[in-house]
Amino acid sequence: MSVEGKVVLITGAARGLGYEYARALGAAGARIVAGDVADCAAAAEAAGNGAIAMRLNVADVASADSMAEHAMDAFGRIDALINNAALYGSLRGGRFNQIAEADWDAAMAVNVKGIWNCCKAAVPAMRQSGGGSIINVASLAATYGMAFALHYTTSKAAVIGLTRGLARELGRDNIRVNAIAPSAVVTEGTAEFFGERLDRGLEVIRAQQTIQRTLEPSDLVGTIAWLISDGSQFVTGQTIAVDGGTVML
């Protein structure tokens, strides 16, 4: 399950899951390009191994193209793309008819269009090098059906559909496209989303899991590394639940 020498683009790398992916994969020998709308220099430093940090707005196609171009200039190839960037903590929840239109549009622009943009940017380089792996971060919100955050839930369901359709398009290019659907992970974004209801929210989620503990960012690294590695060469179009046994697909 080696990622040694793989060139991996990670969006939303400034904190939380993206930061942990950069740190852990860099430590395992991958060459990391970390992007975020916020400063992600710390993620690149944690990744080491000549990692690059850059400003990235996934909702802007030119910004996504620039990230791919920087990766090619620095490393000459792109082996994997982790589409982790998403609006989550900053979204305001509520009943479906009370969600602000601006929040709905922002969630779709980042969580769905952002993946489309980054895939368009990275796929030509993957084709050039004979294949690659795209990993989209979906959510338990989609596979279980989270209420009172319909903009987020809908966007993550769209990620699953995008993953399946794109996997069929890119299979002949030896490009695999998969998604992971984690439960609530202990990150800054989760804390922001739940606010003062954080402890109660995590308690309710744990109670529905077969493995009844809260996920940590490190719990996702093994699945991510396997999907990047050559060990998963015949796996595509799948959504892998990393949720402690909440939804059994």
Protein backbone atom coordinates (compact mmCIF):
# COMPACT_ATOMS: atom_id res chain seq x y z
CA MET A 1 0.00 0.00 0.00
CA SER A 2 2.89 2.34 -0.78
CA VAL A 3 2.41 5.98 -1.75
CA GLU A 4 6.17 6.52 -2.02
CA GLY A 5 6.93 9.00 -4.78
CA LYS A 6 3.28 9.62 -5.70
CA VAL A 7 2.45 13.23 -6.53
CA VAL A 8 -0.74 14.07 -4.66
CA LEU A 9 -2.85 17.23 -4.91
CA ILE A 10 -4.88 17.96 -1.76
CA THR A 11 -7.55 20.65 -1.66
CA GLY A 12 -8.75 22.20 1.59
CA ALA A 13 -5.38 21.45 3.16
CA ALA A 14 -5.05 24.33 5.61
CA ARG A 15 -6.63 22.46 8.51
CA GLY A 16 -8.66 19.44 9.57
CA LEU A 17 -8.74 16.43 7.27
CA GLY A 18 -6.75 18.07 4.50
CA TYR A 19 -3.93 18.97 6.85
CA GLU A 20 -3.83 15.42 8.21
CA TYR A 21 -3.78 13.92 4.71
CA ALA A 22 -0.87 16.16 3.76
CA ARG A 23 1.07 15.38 6.92
CA ALA A 24 0.53 11.62 6.86
CA LEU A 25 1.00 11.07 3.11
CA GLY A 26 4.09 13.26 3.08
CA ALA A 27 5.53 11.24 5.94
CA ALA A 28 4.87 8.12 3.85
CA GLY A 29 6.93 9.49 0.96
CA ALA A 30 4.33 11.19 -1.24
CA ARG A 31 5.06 14.52 -2.93
CA ILE A 32 2.33 16.89 -1.79
CA VAL A 33 0.78 19.94 -3.39
CA ALA A 34 -1.45 21.51 -0.73
CA GLY A 35 -4.07 24.07 -1.71
CA ASP A 36 -6.60 26.15 0.21
CA VAL A 37 -8.27 29.55 0.21
CA ALA A 38 -6.47 30.01 3.54
CA ASP A 39 -2.73 29.86 4.08
CA CYS A 40 -1.68 26.20 4.03
CA ALA A 41 2.06 26.67 4.45
CA ALA A 42 1.85 24.73 7.72
CA ALA A 43 0.44 21.72 5.88
CA ALA A 44 3.27 21.78 3.37
CA GLU A 45 5.81 22.09 6.18
CA ALA A 46 4.21 19.15 7.99
CA ALA A 47 4.26 17.08 4.79
CA GLY A 48 7.93 17.82 4.10
CA ASN A 49 9.54 16.05 1.13
CA GLY A 50 9.54 19.23 -0.97
CA ALA A 51 5.81 19.85 -0.54
CA ILE A 52 4.26 22.93 -2.13
CA ALA A 53 1.60 25.20 -0.63
CA MET A 54 -0.54 27.52 -2.71
CA ARG A 55 -3.70 29.58 -2.53
CA LEU A 56 -6.59 27.76 -4.15
CA ASN A 57 -10.22 28.67 -4.70
CA VAL A 58 -11.76 25.48 -6.03
CA ALA A 59 -14.87 27.34 -7.20
CA ASP A 60 -12.69 29.25 -9.68
CA VAL A 61 -11.53 27.17 -12.65
CA ALA A 62 -8.46 29.35 -13.27
CA SER A 63 -7.32 28.78 -9.68
CA ALA A 64 -7.76 25.02 -10.06
CA ASP A 65 -5.81 25.07 -13.32
CA SER A 66 -3.02 27.00 -11.62
CA MET A 67 -2.68 24.34 -8.92
CA ALA A 68 -2.30 21.60 -11.51
CA GLU A 69 0.20 23.67 -13.47
CA HIS A 70 2.31 24.27 -10.36
CA ALA A 71 2.30 20.54 -9.63
CA MET A 72 3.49 19.75 -13.14
CA ASP A 73 6.17 22.42 -13.03
CA ALA A 74 7.48 21.14 -9.70
CA PHE A 75 7.11 17.37 -10.05
CA GLY A 76 6.37 16.63 -13.72
CA ARG A 77 3.29 14.51 -13.05
CA ILE A 78 0.06 14.17 -11.04
CA ASP A 79 -0.76 10.75 -9.62
CA ALA A 80 -3.64 11.54 -7.28
CA LEU A 81 -6.15 14.25 -6.45
CA ILE A 82 -7.92 14.41 -3.09
CA ASN A 83 -10.97 16.65 -3.43
CA ASN A 84 -11.32 17.53 0.23
CA ALA A 85 -12.22 21.25 0.11
CA ALA A 86 -15.81 21.91 1.16
CA LEU A 87 -18.00 24.42 2.93
CA TYR A 88 -19.13 22.88 6.20
CA GLY A 89 -18.35 24.74 9.42
CA SER A 90 -19.36 28.10 7.99
CA LEU A 91 -22.76 26.91 6.75
CA ARG A 92 -25.83 27.84 8.76
CA GLY A 93 -28.17 24.92 9.36
CA GLY A 94 -31.92 25.01 9.79
CA ARG A 95 -35.12 23.72 8.29
CA PHE A 96 -34.90 23.26 4.53
CA ASN A 97 -37.16 26.22 3.77
CA GLN A 98 -35.16 28.51 6.03
CA ILE A 99 -31.78 27.96 4.37
CA ALA A 100 -30.53 31.15 2.76
CA GLU A 101 -30.28 31.00 -1.02
CA ALA A 102 -26.76 32.41 -0.84
CA ASP A 103 -25.69 29.58 1.49
CA TRP A 104 -27.25 26.98 -0.83
CA ASP A 105 -25.47 28.42 -3.85
CA ALA A 106 -22.15 28.66 -2.00
CA ALA A 107 -22.35 25.02 -0.89
CA MET A 108 -22.95 23.87 -4.46
CA ALA A 109 -20.23 26.12 -5.88
CA VAL A 110 -17.53 24.80 -3.54
CA ASN A 111 -18.64 21.28 -2.65
CA VAL A 112 -19.73 20.18 -6.14
CA LYS A 113 -18.48 22.60 -8.80
CA GLY A 114 -15.15 22.77 -6.97
CA ILE A 115 -14.61 19.04 -7.50
CA TRP A 116 -15.58 19.35 -11.16
CA ASN A 117 -13.07 22.19 -11.62
CA CYS A 118 -10.23 20.33 -9.93
CA CYS A 119 -10.89 17.15 -11.88
CA LYS A 120 -10.84 19.09 -15.15
CA ALA A 121 -7.51 20.60 -14.10
CA ALA A 122 -5.81 17.37 -13.01
CA VAL A 123 -7.09 14.75 -15.46
CA PRO A 124 -4.99 15.84 -18.50
CA ALA A 125 -1.79 15.34 -16.49
CA MET A 126 -3.03 11.94 -15.26
CA ARG A 127 -3.77 10.88 -18.82
CA GLN A 128 -0.31 12.00 -19.84
CA SER A 129 1.32 9.79 -17.20
CA GLY A 130 -0.87 6.77 -17.89
CA GLY A 131 -3.44 6.95 -15.11
CA GLY A 132 -4.14 8.11 -11.61
CA SER A 133 -6.53 8.17 -8.68
CA ILE A 134 -9.17 10.76 -7.78
CA ILE A 135 -10.62 10.61 -4.28
CA ASN A 136 -13.68 12.71 -3.51
CA VAL A 137 -14.70 13.37 0.08
CA ALA A 138 -18.44 12.76 0.48
CA SER A 139 -20.07 12.35 3.90
CA LEU A 140 -22.32 10.33 6.15
CA ALA A 141 -24.67 13.29 5.67
CA ALA A 142 -25.43 11.92 2.19
CA THR A 143 -25.44 8.18 2.87
CA TYR A 144 -27.54 8.47 6.03
CA GLY A 145 -29.53 11.59 5.17
CA MET A 146 -28.73 14.42 7.56
CA ALA A 147 -31.65 16.71 8.31
CA PHE A 148 -31.48 20.46 8.98
CA ALA A 149 -28.49 20.93 6.67
CA LEU A 150 -30.05 20.12 3.32
CA HIS A 151 -27.58 22.25 1.37
CA TYR A 152 -24.63 20.29 2.79
CA THR A 153 -26.41 16.92 2.56
CA THR A 154 -27.45 17.52 -1.05
CA SER A 155 -23.98 18.68 -2.06
CA LYS A 156 -22.39 15.54 -0.63
CA ALA A 157 -24.97 13.32 -2.36
CA ALA A 158 -23.99 15.06 -5.59
CA VAL A 159 -20.36 14.15 -4.87
CA ILE A 160 -21.33 10.47 -4.88
CA GLY A 161 -23.15 10.80 -8.21
CA LEU A 162 -20.26 12.76 -9.70
CA THR A 163 -17.87 10.04 -8.53
CA ARG A 164 -19.83 7.26 -10.21
CA GLY A 165 -20.35 9.08 -13.49
CA LEU A 166 -16.76 10.24 -13.75
CA ALA A 167 -15.46 6.76 -12.94
CA ARG A 168 -17.28 5.44 -16.00
CA GLU A 169 -15.88 8.22 -18.19
CA LEU A 170 -12.27 7.84 -17.07
CA GLY A 171 -11.87 4.08 -16.70
CA ARG A 172 -10.36 3.67 -20.16
CA ASP A 173 -7.73 6.24 -19.21
CA ASN A 174 -6.74 4.08 -16.22
CA ILE A 175 -7.96 6.85 -13.92
CA ARG A 176 -9.84 5.57 -10.89
CA VAL A 177 -12.46 7.75 -9.20
CA ASN A 178 -13.73 6.86 -5.73
CA ALA A 179 -15.29 8.61 -2.75
CA ILE A 180 -15.09 8.20 0.99
CA ALA A 181 -18.04 8.96 3.24
CA PRO A 182 -16.85 9.62 6.78
CA SER A 183 -18.96 10.11 9.86
CA ALA A 184 -18.47 13.31 11.87
CA VAL A 185 -14.74 13.73 12.40
CA VAL A 186 -13.22 15.75 15.20
CA THR A 187 -12.07 18.81 13.24
CA GLU A 188 -12.37 22.57 13.50
CA GLY A 189 -15.12 22.47 10.88
CA THR A 190 -17.21 20.00 12.87
CA ALA A 191 -16.84 22.13 15.99
CA GLU A 192 -17.94 25.22 14.06
CA PHE A 193 -20.90 23.47 12.47
CA PHE A 194 -22.33 22.08 15.71
CA GLY A 195 -21.31 24.99 17.90
CA GLU A 196 -22.56 24.64 21.46
CA ARG A 197 -24.34 21.41 20.43
CA LEU A 198 -21.04 19.69 19.56
CA ASP A 199 -20.87 17.24 22.47
CA ARG A 200 -24.50 16.24 22.11
CA GLY A 201 -24.19 15.91 18.34
CA LEU A 202 -21.16 13.66 18.55
CA GLU A 203 -22.87 11.59 21.25
CA VAL A 204 -25.90 10.97 19.01
CA ILE A 205 -23.68 10.04 16.06
CA ARG A 206 -21.55 7.64 18.14
CA ALA A 207 -24.68 5.91 19.44
CA GLN A 208 -25.59 4.88 15.88
CA GLN A 209 -22.15 3.46 15.11
CA THR A 210 -21.16 -0.17 15.52
CA ILE A 211 -17.73 1.07 16.67
CA GLN A 212 -18.81 3.62 19.23
CA ARG A 213 -16.09 6.21 19.31
CA THR A 214 -15.68 9.49 17.50
CA LEU A 215 -13.60 9.48 14.34
CA GLU A 216 -10.27 11.27 14.35
CA PRO A 217 -8.66 12.60 11.15
CA SER A 218 -6.04 9.85 11.36
CA ASP A 219 -8.80 7.22 11.04
CA LEU A 220 -9.25 8.17 7.38
CA VAL A 221 -5.62 8.08 6.31
CA GLY A 222 -5.43 4.32 5.71
CA THR A 223 -8.38 4.32 3.33
CA ILE A 224 -7.03 7.36 1.49
CA ALA A 225 -3.54 5.83 1.17
CA TRP A 226 -4.98 2.55 -0.15
CA LEU A 227 -7.02 4.37 -2.80
CA ILE A 228 -3.91 6.25 -3.94
CA SER A 229 -1.71 3.16 -3.93
CA ASP A 230 -1.39 0.51 -6.61
CA GLY A 231 -3.13 -1.88 -4.21
CA SER A 232 -6.53 -0.54 -5.33
CA GLN A 233 -5.94 -0.64 -9.08
CA PHE A 234 -9.23 -2.44 -9.81
CA VAL A 235 -11.41 -0.29 -7.53
CA THR A 236 -13.36 2.56 -9.08
CA GLY A 237 -16.77 4.22 -8.80
CA GLN A 238 -17.09 3.22 -5.15
CA THR A 239 -18.14 5.17 -2.07
CA ILE A 240 -16.37 3.75 0.94
CA ALA A 241 -18.08 4.43 4.26
CA VAL A 242 -15.60 5.26 7.00
CA ASP A 243 -18.27 5.77 9.63
CA GLY A 244 -17.75 3.16 12.33
CA GLY A 245 -20.45 0.94 10.87
CA THR A 246 -23.36 3.39 10.71
CA VAL A 247 -24.42 2.83 7.11
CA MET A 248 -23.57 -0.59 5.67
CA LEU A 249 -23.66 -0.26 1.89
